[in-house]
């Protein structure tokens, strides 16, 4: 009886204390629902919304490892620019970042690509380096697109890059800063004008580029010209791209002219395998798929002789590759190149994983 009395008293005291403190109880707020990353399908696959914004982000790029046997044929031309004997090994990680959003004027886009690479070729300027390869800001309005930034020049990209091989050929490829405007008629006709920075001079001796292109289901055809504000020479090209109906075969054809008034090579000069400016040049390429995993690709380029060079002859340069895609996102590409000036072969083996 005594123990029962004590227990009842304790319970009564606990109840009183609870009632007295009820008014002071801390109320814990419900956590806000977590905002998960949402897919943005407005601009195609791979985009997602940056949380809390209306901006869409896409992360893509590739991992690459390649081995090149470099002979005196100057394999790579515009791409490599090195004339050495031996083997070159290169590993590269190249992430790309694209952001897009809608504004009252149109679609605002930012694009950047970074190269982080290891390279065994001394003097290449990029051994064991990390650097910005592209950075562009563009605004696509109802009347056209304004672009500023650094990347491949309009002369390099506007008509489409050259051949389908790793070694595309020699076509005046260059990367630089630019301010450009691209007009799009909406029916396949586009035109571009651009002021392009000339890396040979820190003054405002800029290059000027302009061109037109017409695209249809069968392919495209266009023309482009560029003026070098430092070397005061110019170049022009006509480019055509063809998709063979009912097949996956694609063909490319480009014709080039390079002015050679003073013998000084400029940004738009086509350099022959003999090291001199070629006034006229023609480059053809083909891509022939063999099923879903294999393809044969190749290029052939002719270079006119140089009138100012005694004993100069027309030269040719060829490349042939066999891309193989064992699984989705992975490619293995062996390729060989040859030119009639050095009469030597050069080869490359590239492994690449895209994402």
C-alpha atoms as a PDB file:
ATOM      1  CA  UNK A   1       0.000   0.000   0.000  1.00  0.00           C
ATOM      2  CA  UNK A   2       2.822   2.378   0.801  1.00  0.00           C
ATOM      3  CA  UNK A   3       4.583   1.666  -2.530  1.00  0.00           C
ATOM      4  CA  UNK A   4       1.324   2.147  -4.453  1.00  0.00           C
ATOM      5  CA  UNK A   5       0.820   5.539  -2.824  1.00  0.00           C
ATOM      6  CA  UNK A   6       4.318   6.657  -3.831  1.00  0.00           C
ATOM      7  CA  UNK A   7       3.787   5.595  -7.479  1.00  0.00           C
ATOM      8  CA  UNK A   8       0.460   7.408  -7.742  1.00  0.00           C
ATOM      9  CA  UNK A   9       2.018  10.539  -6.267  1.00  0.00           C
ATOM     10  CA  UNK A  10       4.886  10.442  -8.761  1.00  0.00           C
ATOM     11  CA  UNK A  11       2.547  10.110 -11.716  1.00  0.00           C
ATOM     12  CA  UNK A  12       0.456  13.032 -10.475  1.00  0.00           C
ATOM     13  CA  UNK A  13       3.554  15.209 -10.105  1.00  0.00           C
ATOM     14  CA  UNK A  14       4.777  14.294 -13.634  1.00  0.00           C
ATOM     15  CA  UNK A  15       1.400  15.140 -15.122  1.00  0.00           C
ATOM     16  CA  UNK A  16       1.371  18.517 -13.416  1.00  0.00           C
ATOM     17  CA  UNK A  17       4.860  19.341 -14.662  1.00  0.00           C
ATOM     18  CA  UNK A  18       3.929  18.384 -18.209  1.00  0.00           C
ATOM     19  CA  UNK A  19       0.847  20.600 -18.135  1.00  0.00           C
ATOM     20  CA  UNK A  20       2.851  23.515 -16.778  1.00  0.00           C
ATOM     21  CA  UNK A  21       5.439  23.301 -19.570  1.00  0.00           C
ATOM     22  CA  UNK A  22       3.041  22.615 -22.444  1.00  0.00           C
ATOM     23  CA  UNK A  23       2.757  26.299 -23.298  1.00  0.00           C
ATOM     24  CA  UNK A  24       6.549  26.572 -23.687  1.00  0.00           C
ATOM     25  CA  UNK A  25       7.039  23.525 -25.996  1.00  0.00           C
ATOM     26  CA  UNK A  26       9.333  24.086 -29.033  1.00  0.00           C
ATOM     27  CA  UNK A  27       7.597  23.509 -32.367  1.00  0.00           C
ATOM     28  CA  UNK A  28       9.931  21.990 -34.999  1.00  0.00           C
ATOM     29  CA  UNK A  29       9.167  23.221 -38.516  1.00  0.00           C
ATOM     30  CA  UNK A  30       8.573  20.679 -41.250  1.00  0.00           C
ATOM     31  CA  UNK A  31      11.579  20.430 -43.586  1.00  0.00           C
ATOM     32  CA  UNK A  32      11.077  21.952 -47.020  1.00  0.00           C
ATOM     33  CA  UNK A  33      10.823  19.375 -49.790  1.00  0.00           C
ATOM     34  CA  UNK A  34      14.178  18.748 -51.489  1.00  0.00           C
ATOM     35  CA  UNK A  35      14.467  20.126 -55.024  1.00  0.00           C
ATOM     36  CA  UNK A  36      15.958  17.375 -57.135  1.00  0.00           C
ATOM     37  CA  UNK A  37      17.774  18.053 -60.408  1.00  0.00           C
ATOM     38  CA  UNK A  38      15.201  18.320 -63.188  1.00  0.00           C
ATOM     39  CA  UNK A  39      15.745  17.344 -66.805  1.00  0.00           C
ATOM     40  CA  UNK A  40      15.644  20.223 -69.303  1.00  0.00           C
ATOM     41  CA  UNK A  41      14.509  18.943 -72.700  1.00  0.00           C
ATOM     42  CA  UNK A  42      13.956  22.349 -74.301  1.00  0.00           C
ATOM     43  CA  UNK A  43      17.380  22.357 -75.994  1.00  0.00           C
ATOM     44  CA  UNK A  44      17.782  18.638 -76.678  1.00  0.00           C
ATOM     45  CA  UNK A  45      19.151  15.720 -74.687  1.00  0.00           C
ATOM     46  CA  UNK A  46      21.724  16.003 -71.919  1.00  0.00           C
ATOM     47  CA  UNK A  47      20.546  19.274 -70.359  1.00  0.00           C
ATOM     48  CA  UNK A  48      19.292  19.738 -66.804  1.00  0.00           C
ATOM     49  CA  UNK A  49      18.104  22.777 -64.865  1.00  0.00           C
ATOM     50  CA  UNK A  50      20.538  24.416 -62.482  1.00  0.00           C
ATOM     51  CA  UNK A  51      18.545  24.295 -59.187  1.00  0.00           C
ATOM     52  CA  UNK A  52      16.726  27.515 -58.412  1.00  0.00           C
ATOM     53  CA  UNK A  53      17.187  28.981 -61.905  1.00  0.00           C
ATOM     54  CA  UNK A  54      15.710  28.792 -65.378  1.00  0.00           C
ATOM     55  CA  UNK A  55      19.155  28.089 -66.856  1.00  0.00           C
ATOM     56  CA  UNK A  56      19.891  24.720 -68.435  1.00  0.00           C
ATOM     57  CA  UNK A  57      23.343  23.106 -68.239  1.00  0.00           C
ATOM     58  CA  UNK A  58      24.888  20.344 -70.326  1.00  0.00           C
ATOM     59  CA  UNK A  59      28.194  18.640 -69.503  1.00  0.00           C
ATOM     60  CA  UNK A  60      29.825  16.627 -72.284  1.00  0.00           C
ATOM     61  CA  UNK A  61      33.258  15.982 -73.786  1.00  0.00           C
ATOM     62  CA  UNK A  62      35.724  13.150 -74.258  1.00  0.00           C
ATOM     63  CA  UNK A  63      38.713  11.214 -72.941  1.00  0.00           C
ATOM     64  CA  UNK A  64      41.422  10.506 -75.518  1.00  0.00           C
ATOM     65  CA  UNK A  65      44.721   8.679 -75.850  1.00  0.00           C
ATOM     66  CA  UNK A  66      46.646   8.532 -79.107  1.00  0.00           C
ATOM     67  CA  UNK A  67      49.987   7.412 -80.465  1.00  0.00           C
ATOM     68  CA  UNK A  68      51.342   9.094 -83.581  1.00  0.00           C
ATOM     69  CA  UNK A  69      54.298   8.055 -85.688  1.00  0.00           C
ATOM     70  CA  UNK A  70      55.539  11.361 -87.070  1.00  0.00           C
ATOM     71  CA  UNK A  71      57.777  11.338 -90.112  1.00  0.00           C
ATOM     72  CA  UNK A  72      59.076  14.240 -92.151  1.00  0.00           C
ATOM     73  CA  UNK A  73      55.728  14.354 -93.958  1.00  0.00           C
ATOM     74  CA  UNK A  74      54.562  16.988 -91.462  1.00  0.00           C
ATOM     75  CA  UNK A  75      51.538  14.875 -90.557  1.00  0.00           C
ATOM     76  CA  UNK A  76      48.712  16.942 -89.219  1.00  0.00           C
ATOM     77  CA  UNK A  77      49.492  20.107 -91.118  1.00  0.00           C
ATOM     78  CA  UNK A  78      47.301  22.769 -89.536  1.00  0.00           C
ATOM     79  CA  UNK A  79      46.525  20.567 -86.526  1.00  0.00           C
ATOM     80  CA  UNK A  80      50.011  19.575 -85.413  1.00  0.00           C
ATOM     81  CA  UNK A  81      52.296  22.029 -87.178  1.00  0.00           C
ATOM     82  CA  UNK A  82      55.395  20.004 -86.281  1.00  0.00           C
ATOM     83  CA  UNK A  83      57.907  18.494 -88.673  1.00  0.00           C
ATOM     84  CA  UNK A  84      59.832  15.922 -86.665  1.00  0.00           C
ATOM     85  CA  UNK A  85      60.678  12.222 -86.724  1.00  0.00           C
ATOM     86  CA  UNK A  86      59.649   9.859 -83.963  1.00  0.00           C
ATOM     87  CA  UNK A  87      56.617   8.901 -81.900  1.00  0.00           C
ATOM     88  CA  UNK A  88      54.212  11.186 -80.138  1.00  0.00           C
ATOM     89  CA  UNK A  89      51.954  10.051 -77.288  1.00  0.00           C
ATOM     90  CA  UNK A  90      49.183  12.257 -76.032  1.00  0.00           C
ATOM     91  CA  UNK A  91      46.474  11.884 -73.382  1.00  0.00           C
ATOM     92  CA  UNK A  92      43.696  14.456 -73.205  1.00  0.00           C
ATOM     93  CA  UNK A  93      40.610  15.116 -71.099  1.00  0.00           C
ATOM     94  CA  UNK A  94      38.294  17.631 -72.769  1.00  0.00           C
ATOM     95  CA  UNK A  95      35.153  18.540 -70.790  1.00  0.00           C
ATOM     96  CA  UNK A  96      32.603  20.836 -72.433  1.00  0.00           C
ATOM     97  CA  UNK A  97      30.091  23.030 -70.616  1.00  0.00           C
ATOM     98  CA  UNK A  98      27.062  24.535 -72.351  1.00  0.00           C
ATOM     99  CA  UNK A  99      24.504  26.757 -70.596  1.00  0.00           C
ATOM    100  CA  UNK A 100      21.305  28.067 -72.187  1.00  0.00           C
ATOM    101  CA  UNK A 101      18.421  30.223 -71.029  1.00  0.00           C
ATOM    102  CA  UNK A 102      15.607  32.214 -72.582  1.00  0.00           C
ATOM    103  CA  UNK A 103      15.629  36.016 -72.415  1.00  0.00           C
ATOM    104  CA  UNK A 104      13.374  38.766 -73.736  1.00  0.00           C
ATOM    105  CA  UNK A 105      15.709  39.034 -76.767  1.00  0.00           C
ATOM    106  CA  UNK A 106      16.250  35.350 -77.490  1.00  0.00           C
ATOM    107  CA  UNK A 107      18.286  32.325 -76.397  1.00  0.00           C
ATOM    108  CA  UNK A 108      21.419  33.223 -74.430  1.00  0.00           C
ATOM    109  CA  UNK A 109      24.177  30.598 -74.650  1.00  0.00           C
ATOM    110  CA  UNK A 110      27.547  30.167 -72.999  1.00  0.00           C
ATOM    111  CA  UNK A 111      29.988  27.505 -74.156  1.00  0.00           C
ATOM    112  CA  UNK A 112      33.420  26.480 -72.891  1.00  0.00           C
ATOM    113  CA  UNK A 113      35.793  23.599 -73.592  1.00  0.00           C
ATOM    114  CA  UNK A 114      38.881  22.883 -71.509  1.00  0.00           C
ATOM    115  CA  UNK A 115      41.892  20.793 -72.537  1.00  0.00           C
ATOM    116  CA  UNK A 116      43.860  19.021 -69.823  1.00  0.00           C
ATOM    117  CA  UNK A 117      46.564  16.979 -71.487  1.00  0.00           C
ATOM    118  CA  UNK A 118      49.891  15.229 -71.289  1.00  0.00           C
ATOM    119  CA  UNK A 119      52.041  15.301 -74.404  1.00  0.00           C
ATOM    120  CA  UNK A 120      55.467  13.833 -75.157  1.00  0.00           C
ATOM    121  CA  UNK A 121      56.208  16.082 -78.128  1.00  0.00           C
ATOM    122  CA  UNK A 122      58.655  18.746 -76.989  1.00  0.00           C
ATOM    123  CA  UNK A 123      57.954  22.208 -78.257  1.00  0.00           C
ATOM    124  CA  UNK A 124      54.302  21.472 -78.987  1.00  0.00           C
ATOM    125  CA  UNK A 125      53.309  24.255 -76.605  1.00  0.00           C
ATOM    126  CA  UNK A 126      50.826  22.072 -74.795  1.00  0.00           C
ATOM    127  CA  UNK A 127      52.823  19.361 -72.987  1.00  0.00           C
ATOM    128  CA  UNK A 128      51.395  18.651 -69.535  1.00  0.00           C
ATOM    129  CA  UNK A 129      49.101  21.662 -69.828  1.00  0.00           C
ATOM    130  CA  UNK A 130      45.587  22.706 -68.935  1.00  0.00           C
ATOM    131  CA  UNK A 131      44.147  25.523 -70.988  1.00  0.00           C
ATOM    132  CA  UNK A 132      40.940  27.016 -72.328  1.00  0.00           C
ATOM    133  CA  UNK A 133      40.290  25.797 -75.864  1.00  0.00           C
ATOM    134  CA  UNK A 134      36.916  27.502 -76.408  1.00  0.00           C
ATOM    135  CA  UNK A 135      34.908  30.207 -74.621  1.00  0.00           C
ATOM    136  CA  UNK A 136      31.984  31.775 -76.422  1.00  0.00           C
ATOM    137  CA  UNK A 137      28.889  33.777 -75.504  1.00  0.00           C
ATOM    138  CA  UNK A 138      26.091  34.042 -78.052  1.00  0.00           C
ATOM    139  CA  UNK A 139      22.609  35.524 -78.258  1.00  0.00           C
ATOM    140  CA  UNK A 140      20.247  34.025 -80.840  1.00  0.00           C
ATOM    141  CA  UNK A 141      17.556  36.552 -81.761  1.00  0.00           C
ATOM    142  CA  UNK A 142      14.739  36.398 -84.291  1.00  0.00           C
ATOM    143  CA  UNK A 143      17.012  38.004 -86.892  1.00  0.00           C
ATOM    144  CA  UNK A 144      20.281  36.168 -86.259  1.00  0.00           C
ATOM    145  CA  UNK A 145      22.982  35.284 -83.757  1.00  0.00           C
ATOM    146  CA  UNK A 146      25.595  37.562 -82.215  1.00  0.00           C
ATOM    147  CA  UNK A 147      28.688  35.757 -80.896  1.00  0.00           C
ATOM    148  CA  UNK A 148      31.755  36.936 -78.988  1.00  0.00           C
ATOM    149  CA  UNK A 149      34.596  34.882 -77.555  1.00  0.00           C
ATOM    150  CA  UNK A 150      37.455  32.577 -78.451  1.00  0.00           C
ATOM    151  CA  UNK A 151      37.357  29.410 -80.552  1.00  0.00           C
ATOM    152  CA  UNK A 152      37.649  28.059 -84.077  1.00  0.00           C
ATOM    153  CA  UNK A 153      37.270  30.936 -86.524  1.00  0.00           C
ATOM    154  CA  UNK A 154      34.279  31.244 -88.882  1.00  0.00           C
ATOM    155  CA  UNK A 155      36.649  30.549 -91.805  1.00  0.00           C
ATOM    156  CA  UNK A 156      37.399  27.187 -90.184  1.00  0.00           C
ATOM    157  CA  UNK A 157      33.883  26.130 -89.180  1.00  0.00           C
ATOM    158  CA  UNK A 158      31.135  27.974 -91.068  1.00  0.00           C
ATOM    159  CA  UNK A 159      31.025  25.750 -94.163  1.00  0.00           C
ATOM    160  CA  UNK A 160      31.717  22.670 -92.067  1.00  0.00           C
ATOM    161  CA  UNK A 161      35.129  21.340 -91.146  1.00  0.00           C
ATOM    162  CA  UNK A 162      37.129  19.570 -93.834  1.00  0.00           C
ATOM    163  CA  UNK A 163      37.592  15.836 -94.404  1.00  0.00           C
ATOM    164  CA  UNK A 164      36.190  13.117 -92.119  1.00  0.00           C
ATOM    165  CA  UNK A 165      39.636  11.818 -91.131  1.00  0.00           C
ATOM    166  CA  UNK A 166      41.674  12.771 -88.063  1.00  0.00           C
ATOM    167  CA  UNK A 167      44.004  14.520 -90.478  1.00  0.00           C
ATOM    168  CA  UNK A 168      41.385  16.684 -92.176  1.00  0.00           C
ATOM    169  CA  UNK A 169      43.720  18.283 -94.688  1.00  0.00           C
ATOM    170  CA  UNK A 170      45.022  21.839 -95.002  1.00  0.00           C
ATOM    171  CA  UNK A 171      42.235  24.394 -95.165  1.00  0.00           C
ATOM    172  CA  UNK A 172      43.292  27.498 -93.246  1.00  0.00           C
ATOM    173  CA  UNK A 173      42.248  26.198 -89.833  1.00  0.00           C
ATOM    174  CA  UNK A 174      42.774  28.706 -87.039  1.00  0.00           C
ATOM    175  CA  UNK A 175      41.504  29.543 -83.539  1.00  0.00           C
ATOM    176  CA  UNK A 176      41.190  33.109 -82.305  1.00  0.00           C
ATOM    177  CA  UNK A 177      38.968  35.706 -80.673  1.00  0.00           C
ATOM    178  CA  UNK A 178      36.011  36.955 -82.694  1.00  0.00           C
ATOM    179  CA  UNK A 179      32.946  39.150 -82.830  1.00  0.00           C
ATOM    180  CA  UNK A 180      30.511  37.773 -85.398  1.00  0.00           C
ATOM    181  CA  UNK A 181      26.951  38.023 -86.626  1.00  0.00           C
ATOM    182  CA  UNK A 182      25.195  35.103 -88.325  1.00  0.00           C
ATOM    183  CA  UNK A 183      22.012  35.660 -90.313  1.00  0.00           C
ATOM    184  CA  UNK A 184      19.584  32.742 -90.677  1.00  0.00           C
ATOM    185  CA  UNK A 185      16.764  33.099 -93.214  1.00  0.00           C
ATOM    186  CA  UNK A 186      14.931  30.080 -91.838  1.00  0.00           C
ATOM    187  CA  UNK A 187      14.862  28.313 -95.212  1.00  0.00           C
ATOM    188  CA  UNK A 188      18.424  26.967 -95.306  1.00  0.00           C
ATOM    189  CA  UNK A 189      20.285  30.144 -96.250  1.00  0.00           C
ATOM    190  CA  UNK A 190      22.761  31.497 -93.686  1.00  0.00           C
ATOM    191  CA  UNK A 191      25.397  34.225 -93.854  1.00  0.00           C
ATOM    192  CA  UNK A 192      28.131  35.389 -91.495  1.00  0.00           C
ATOM    193  CA  UNK A 193      30.373  38.435 -91.050  1.00  0.00           C
ATOM    194  CA  UNK A 194      33.125  38.550 -88.430  1.00  0.00           C
ATOM    195  CA  UNK A 195      35.988  40.603 -87.060  1.00  0.00           C
ATOM    196  CA  UNK A 196      38.655  38.115 -85.970  1.00  0.00           C
ATOM    197  CA  UNK A 197      41.669  38.806 -83.785  1.00  0.00           C
ATOM    198  CA  UNK A 198      45.029  38.381 -85.499  1.00  0.00           C
ATOM    199  CA  UNK A 199      47.442  36.690 -83.093  1.00  0.00           C
ATOM    200  CA  UNK A 200      50.465  38.127 -84.930  1.00  0.00           C
ATOM    201  CA  UNK A 201      49.777  41.652 -83.703  1.00  0.00           C
ATOM    202  CA  UNK A 202      48.477  43.181 -80.467  1.00  0.00           C
ATOM    203  CA  UNK A 203      47.269  46.277 -82.316  1.00  0.00           C
ATOM    204  CA  UNK A 204      43.837  46.518 -83.896  1.00  0.00           C
ATOM    205  CA  UNK A 205      45.014  45.038 -87.207  1.00  0.00           C
ATOM    206  CA  UNK A 206      42.167  42.581 -87.223  1.00  0.00           C
ATOM    207  CA  UNK A 207      41.152  39.987 -89.787  1.00  0.00           C
ATOM    208  CA  UNK A 208      37.795  40.133 -91.538  1.00  0.00           C
ATOM    209  CA  UNK A 209      35.800  37.087 -92.587  1.00  0.00           C
ATOM    210  CA  UNK A 210      32.495  36.610 -94.363  1.00  0.00           C
ATOM    211  CA  UNK A 211      30.549  33.899 -96.101  1.00  0.00           C
ATOM    212  CA  UNK A 212      27.238  32.390 -97.185  1.00  0.00           C
ATOM    213  CA  UNK A 213      25.971  28.818 -96.978  1.00  0.00           C
ATOM    214  CA  UNK A 214      22.888  27.023 -98.282  1.00  0.00           C
ATOM    215  CA  UNK A 215      21.711  23.798 -96.618  1.00  0.00           C
ATOM    216  CA  UNK A 216      19.164  21.233 -97.754  1.00  0.00           C
ATOM    217  CA  UNK A 217      18.469  17.568 -97.079  1.00  0.00           C
ATOM    218  CA  UNK A 218      21.024  16.535 -99.701  1.00  0.00           C
ATOM    219  CA  UNK A 219      23.804  18.523 -98.017  1.00  0.00           C
ATOM    220  CA  UNK A 220      25.126  22.066 -98.329  1.00  0.00           C
ATOM    221  CA  UNK A 221      27.125  24.407-100.549  1.00  0.00           C
ATOM    222  CA  UNK A 222      28.720  27.731 -99.666  1.00  0.00           C
ATOM    223  CA  UNK A 223      31.570  30.188-100.061  1.00  0.00           C
ATOM    224  CA  UNK A 224      33.845  31.941 -97.566  1.00  0.00           C
ATOM    225  CA  UNK A 225      36.567  34.604 -97.711  1.00  0.00           C
ATOM    226  CA  UNK A 226      39.033  36.031 -95.207  1.00  0.00           C
ATOM    227  CA  UNK A 227      41.398  39.021 -95.186  1.00  0.00           C
ATOM    228  CA  UNK A 228      44.551  39.034 -93.031  1.00  0.00           C
ATOM    229  CA  UNK A 229      44.922  42.534 -91.566  1.00  0.00           C
ATOM    230  CA  UNK A 230      48.565  42.033 -90.563  1.00  0.00           C
ATOM    231  CA  UNK A 231      50.084  40.282 -93.580  1.00  0.00           C
ATOM    232  CA  UNK A 232      47.637  42.013 -95.940  1.00  0.00           C
ATOM    233  CA  UNK A 233      46.813  38.917 -97.945  1.00  0.00           C
ATOM    234  CA  UNK A 234      43.617  36.948 -98.306  1.00  0.00           C
ATOM    235  CA  UNK A 235      42.083  33.593 -98.995  1.00  0.00           C
ATOM    236  CA  UNK A 236      38.800  32.198-100.238  1.00  0.00           C
ATOM    237  CA  UNK A 237      37.130  28.820-100.471  1.00  0.00           C
ATOM    238  CA  UNK A 238      34.067  27.070-101.825  1.00  0.00           C
ATOM    239  CA  UNK A 239      32.777  24.086 -99.868  1.00  0.00           C
ATOM    240  CA  UNK A 240      30.160  21.424-100.571  1.00  0.00           C
ATOM    241  CA  UNK A 241      28.826  18.616 -98.381  1.00  0.00           C
ATOM    242  CA  UNK A 242      26.804  15.753 -99.838  1.00  0.00           C
ATOM    243  CA  UNK A 243      24.720  13.031 -98.192  1.00  0.00           C
ATOM    244  CA  UNK A 244      24.099  10.214-100.672  1.00  0.00           C
ATOM    245  CA  UNK A 245      20.349   9.363-100.649  1.00  0.00           C
ATOM    246  CA  UNK A 246      19.270   6.074 -99.037  1.00  0.00           C
ATOM    247  CA  UNK A 247      22.780   5.502 -97.670  1.00  0.00           C
ATOM    248  CA  UNK A 248      24.940   6.763 -94.818  1.00  0.00           C
ATOM    249  CA  UNK A 249      27.725   7.756 -97.231  1.00  0.00           C
ATOM    250  CA  UNK A 250      28.904  11.367 -96.951  1.00  0.00           C
ATOM    251  CA  UNK A 251      31.193  13.297 -99.307  1.00  0.00           C
ATOM    252  CA  UNK A 252      33.038  16.605 -98.912  1.00  0.00           C
ATOM    253  CA  UNK A 253      34.617  18.830-101.550  1.00  0.00           C
ATOM    254  CA  UNK A 254      36.509  22.095-100.973  1.00  0.00           C
ATOM    255  CA  UNK A 255      38.369  24.415-103.318  1.00  0.00           C
ATOM    256  CA  UNK A 256      40.825  27.045-102.031  1.00  0.00           C
ATOM    257  CA  UNK A 257      42.594  30.154-103.260  1.00  0.00           C
ATOM    258  CA  UNK A 258      45.473  31.821-101.364  1.00  0.00           C
ATOM    259  CA  UNK A 259      46.943  35.158-102.435  1.00  0.00           C
ATOM    260  CA  UNK A 260      50.727  35.080-102.697  1.00  0.00           C
ATOM    261  CA  UNK A 261      51.656  38.629-103.647  1.00  0.00           C
ATOM    262  CA  UNK A 262      54.595  38.981-101.253  1.00  0.00           C
ATOM    263  CA  UNK A 263      55.377  35.341-100.464  1.00  0.00           C
ATOM    264  CA  UNK A 264      54.422  35.781 -96.790  1.00  0.00           C
ATOM    265  CA  UNK A 265      52.068  33.153 -95.375  1.00  0.00           C
ATOM    266  CA  UNK A 266      49.019  34.548 -93.596  1.00  0.00           C
ATOM    267  CA  UNK A 267      46.109  33.094 -91.658  1.00  0.00           C
ATOM    268  CA  UNK A 268      44.319  32.050 -94.862  1.00  0.00           C
ATOM    269  CA  UNK A 269      47.282  30.636 -96.776  1.00  0.00           C
ATOM    270  CA  UNK A 270      47.235  26.982 -97.817  1.00  0.00           C
ATOM    271  CA  UNK A 271      50.707  25.557 -97.277  1.00  0.00           C
ATOM    272  CA  UNK A 272      51.811  22.774 -99.612  1.00  0.00           C
ATOM    273  CA  UNK A 273      53.730  19.757 -98.224  1.00  0.00           C
ATOM    274  CA  UNK A 274      56.847  21.382 -99.719  1.00  0.00           C
ATOM    275  CA  UNK A 275      56.475  24.234 -97.207  1.00  0.00           C
ATOM    276  CA  UNK A 276      55.485  26.962 -99.663  1.00  0.00           C
ATOM    277  CA  UNK A 277      52.185  28.738-100.266  1.00  0.00           C
ATOM    278  CA  UNK A 278      49.914  26.934-102.700  1.00  0.00           C
ATOM    279  CA  UNK A 279      47.856  29.430-104.695  1.00  0.00           C
ATOM    280  CA  UNK A 280      45.221  26.840-105.590  1.00  0.00           C
ATOM    281  CA  UNK A 281      44.193  23.667-103.783  1.00  0.00           C
ATOM    282  CA  UNK A 282      41.360  21.117-103.898  1.00  0.00           C
ATOM    283  CA  UNK A 283      40.432  18.813-101.003  1.00  0.00           C
ATOM    284  CA  UNK A 284      38.015  15.870-101.251  1.00  0.00           C
ATOM    285  CA  UNK A 285      36.840  13.537 -98.502  1.00  0.00           C
ATOM    286  CA  UNK A 286      34.545  10.541 -98.081  1.00  0.00           C
ATOM    287  CA  UNK A 287      33.002   8.582 -95.220  1.00  0.00           C
ATOM    288  CA  UNK A 288      31.606   5.115 -95.991  1.00  0.00           C
ATOM    289  CA  UNK A 289      30.009   3.220 -93.058  1.00  0.00           C
ATOM    290  CA  UNK A 290      30.307  -0.573 -93.117  1.00  0.00           C
ATOM    291  CA  UNK A 291      27.490  -1.588 -90.809  1.00  0.00           C
ATOM    292  CA  UNK A 292      26.923   0.081 -87.447  1.00  0.00           C
ATOM    293  CA  UNK A 293      30.416  -0.311 -85.974  1.00  0.00           C
ATOM    294  CA  UNK A 294      32.904   0.138 -88.831  1.00  0.00           C
ATOM    295  CA  UNK A 295      33.615   2.812 -91.423  1.00  0.00           C
ATOM    296  CA  UNK A 296      36.214   3.701 -94.019  1.00  0.00           C
ATOM    297  CA  UNK A 297      37.171   7.379 -94.253  1.00  0.00           C
ATOM    298  CA  UNK A 298      39.665   9.133 -96.475  1.00  0.00           C
ATOM    299  CA  UNK A 299      40.866  12.417 -97.962  1.00  0.00           C
ATOM    300  CA  UNK A 300      42.882  13.489-100.990  1.00  0.00           C
ATOM    301  CA  UNK A 301      44.255  17.013-101.465  1.00  0.00           C
ATOM    302  CA  UNK A 302      45.967  18.571-104.471  1.00  0.00           C
ATOM    303  CA  UNK A 303      48.301  21.585-104.189  1.00  0.00           C
ATOM    304  CA  UNK A 304      49.339  23.736-107.155  1.00  0.00           C
ATOM    305  CA  UNK A 305      53.017  24.426-107.722  1.00  0.00           C
ATOM    306  CA  UNK A 306      54.527  27.709-106.564  1.00  0.00           C
ATOM    307  CA  UNK A 307      55.470  29.992-109.470  1.00  0.00           C
ATOM    308  CA  UNK A 308      58.160  31.724-107.404  1.00  0.00           C
ATOM    309  CA  UNK A 309      59.906  28.458-106.466  1.00  0.00           C
ATOM    310  CA  UNK A 310      62.292  27.057-109.062  1.00  0.00           C
ATOM    311  CA  UNK A 311      61.596  23.385-109.677  1.00  0.00           C
ATOM    312  CA  UNK A 312      58.353  23.434-107.691  1.00  0.00           C
ATOM    313  CA  UNK A 313      55.837  20.761-108.643  1.00  0.00           C
ATOM    314  CA  UNK A 314      52.229  20.050-107.882  1.00  0.00           C
ATOM    315  CA  UNK A 315      51.929  17.999-104.699  1.00  0.00           C
ATOM    316  CA  UNK A 316      49.382  15.567-103.278  1.00  0.00           C
ATOM    317  CA  UNK A 317      48.497  14.492 -99.770  1.00  0.00           C
ATOM    318  CA  UNK A 318      46.316  11.535 -98.770  1.00  0.00           C
ATOM    319  CA  UNK A 319      44.852  10.080 -95.584  1.00  0.00           C
ATOM    320  CA  UNK A 320      42.963   6.851 -94.927  1.00  0.00           C
ATOM    321  CA  UNK A 321      41.324   5.713 -91.686  1.00  0.00           C
ATOM    322  CA  UNK A 322      39.112   2.930 -90.329  1.00  0.00           C
ATOM    323  CA  UNK A 323      37.082   4.061 -87.288  1.00  0.00           C
ATOM    324  CA  UNK A 324      35.729   1.223 -85.143  1.00  0.00           C
ATOM    325  CA  UNK A 325      33.062   1.650 -82.442  1.00  0.00           C
ATOM    326  CA  UNK A 326      33.081  -1.542 -80.318  1.00  0.00           C
ATOM    327  CA  UNK A 327      30.499  -0.117 -77.895  1.00  0.00           C
ATOM    328  CA  UNK A 328      28.404   3.026 -77.650  1.00  0.00           C
ATOM    329  CA  UNK A 329      30.548   6.020 -76.713  1.00  0.00           C
ATOM    330  CA  UNK A 330      33.884   4.367 -77.555  1.00  0.00           C
ATOM    331  CA  UNK A 331      35.915   4.582 -80.774  1.00  0.00           C
ATOM    332  CA  UNK A 332      39.242   3.157 -81.912  1.00  0.00           C
ATOM    333  CA  UNK A 333      40.677   4.757 -85.047  1.00  0.00           C
ATOM    334  CA  UNK A 334      43.820   3.708 -86.935  1.00  0.00           C
ATOM    335  CA  UNK A 335      44.843   6.101 -89.700  1.00  0.00           C
ATOM    336  CA  UNK A 336      47.702   6.602 -92.143  1.00  0.00           C
ATOM    337  CA  UNK A 337      48.784   9.637 -94.201  1.00  0.00           C
ATOM    338  CA  UNK A 338      51.130  10.077 -97.178  1.00  0.00           C
ATOM    339  CA  UNK A 339      52.374  13.001 -99.254  1.00  0.00           C
ATOM    340  CA  UNK A 340      54.225  13.086-102.562  1.00  0.00           C
ATOM    341  CA  UNK A 341      56.843  15.610-101.445  1.00  0.00           C
ATOM    342  CA  UNK A 342      58.433  13.653 -98.597  1.00  0.00           C
ATOM    343  CA  UNK A 343      57.252  10.290 -99.963  1.00  0.00           C
ATOM    344  CA  UNK A 344      56.843   9.086 -96.378  1.00  0.00           C
ATOM    345  CA  UNK A 345      53.977   7.541 -94.440  1.00  0.00           C
ATOM    346  CA  UNK A 346      52.741   8.680 -91.067  1.00  0.00           C
ATOM    347  CA  UNK A 347      50.337   6.793 -88.807  1.00  0.00           C
ATOM    348  CA  UNK A 348      48.137   7.418 -85.812  1.00  0.00           C
ATOM    349  CA  UNK A 349      46.160   5.186 -83.453  1.00  0.00           C
ATOM    350  CA  UNK A 350      43.486   6.979 -81.409  1.00  0.00           C
ATOM    351  CA  UNK A 351      41.329   5.711 -78.548  1.00  0.00           C
ATOM    352  CA  UNK A 352      38.439   7.947 -77.534  1.00  0.00           C
ATOM    353  CA  UNK A 353      35.593   7.719 -75.024  1.00  0.00           C
ATOM    354  CA  UNK A 354      32.859  10.331 -75.555  1.00  0.00           C
ATOM    355  CA  UNK A 355      30.307  11.419 -72.976  1.00  0.00           C
END
